[in-house]
Amino acid sequence: MFFKLLKEGFVFAFNSIIVNKLRTFLSLFGITIGIFSIISVFTVLDWMEKSIRDSIPHWEIM
């Protein structure tokens, strides 16, 4: 019974993807842009932090 429902769910999802190609494309495109944006923001923040740390002179305590 469980596997029959699981199979039916997969068939329904697959048919939905085939029928709604534009919606599927736009969803995947949005997810891709979101992931790219997050990676870009973290990269810029890391670069800015490194730049600030490098610009401050390091004083060694003896």
Protein backbone atom coordinates (compact mmCIF):
# COMPACT_ATOMS: atom_id res chain seq x y z
CA MET A 1 0.00 0.00 0.00
CA PHE A 2 2.79 2.43 0.97
CA PHE A 3 4.81 1.68 -2.16
CA LYS A 4 1.73 2.05 -4.34
CA LEU A 5 1.09 5.53 -2.91
CA LEU A 6 4.78 6.41 -3.26
CA LYS A 7 4.79 5.28 -6.90
CA GLU A 8 1.59 7.22 -7.57
CA GLY A 9 3.16 10.33 -6.02
CA PHE A 10 6.25 10.04 -8.21
CA VAL A 11 4.15 9.52 -11.34
CA PHE A 12 2.01 12.55 -10.46
CA ALA A 13 5.13 14.70 -9.82
CA PHE A 14 6.77 13.57 -13.07
CA ASN A 15 3.63 14.30 -15.08
CA SER A 16 3.36 17.70 -13.43
CA ILE A 17 6.95 18.51 -14.41
CA ILE A 18 6.33 17.46 -18.02
CA VAL A 19 3.08 19.42 -18.31
CA ASN A 20 4.36 22.58 -16.58
CA LYS A 21 7.72 22.99 -18.30
CA LEU A 22 7.79 26.79 -17.97
CA ARG A 23 6.95 26.68 -14.27
CA THR A 24 9.63 24.01 -13.73
CA PHE A 25 12.22 26.05 -15.62
CA LEU A 26 11.41 29.23 -13.72
CA SER A 27 11.54 27.42 -10.37
CA LEU A 28 14.93 25.88 -11.13
CA PHE A 29 16.19 29.20 -12.50
CA GLY A 30 15.10 31.00 -9.31
CA ILE A 31 16.80 28.42 -7.11
CA THR A 32 19.99 28.73 -9.18
CA ILE A 33 19.99 32.52 -8.91
CA GLY A 34 19.37 32.29 -5.15
CA ILE A 35 22.27 29.92 -4.58
CA PHE A 36 24.55 32.04 -6.78
CA SER A 37 23.56 35.16 -4.85
CA ILE A 38 24.30 33.57 -1.47
CA ILE A 39 27.70 32.35 -2.65
CA SER A 40 28.50 35.79 -4.10
CA VAL A 41 27.55 37.62 -0.89
CA PHE A 42 29.65 35.32 1.29
CA THR A 43 32.59 35.65 -1.12
CA VAL A 44 32.40 39.46 -1.06
CA LEU A 45 32.10 39.51 2.75
CA ASP A 46 35.13 37.22 3.13
CA TRP A 47 37.11 39.38 0.72
CA MET A 48 36.15 42.55 2.61
CA GLU A 49 37.08 41.01 5.96
CA LYS A 50 40.46 39.88 4.62
CA SER A 51 41.06 43.32 3.10
CA ILE A 52 40.29 45.06 6.40
CA ARG A 53 42.44 42.65 8.39
CA ASP A 54 45.35 43.13 5.98
CA SER A 55 45.08 46.92 6.15
CA ILE A 56 45.36 47.01 9.97
CA PRO A 57 48.98 46.74 11.15
CA HIS A 58 49.70 43.72 13.28
CA TRP A 59 51.32 44.63 16.60
CA GLU A 60 53.17 41.83 18.24
CA ILE A 61 52.99 41.79 22.02
CA MET A 62 56.24 40.81 23.68
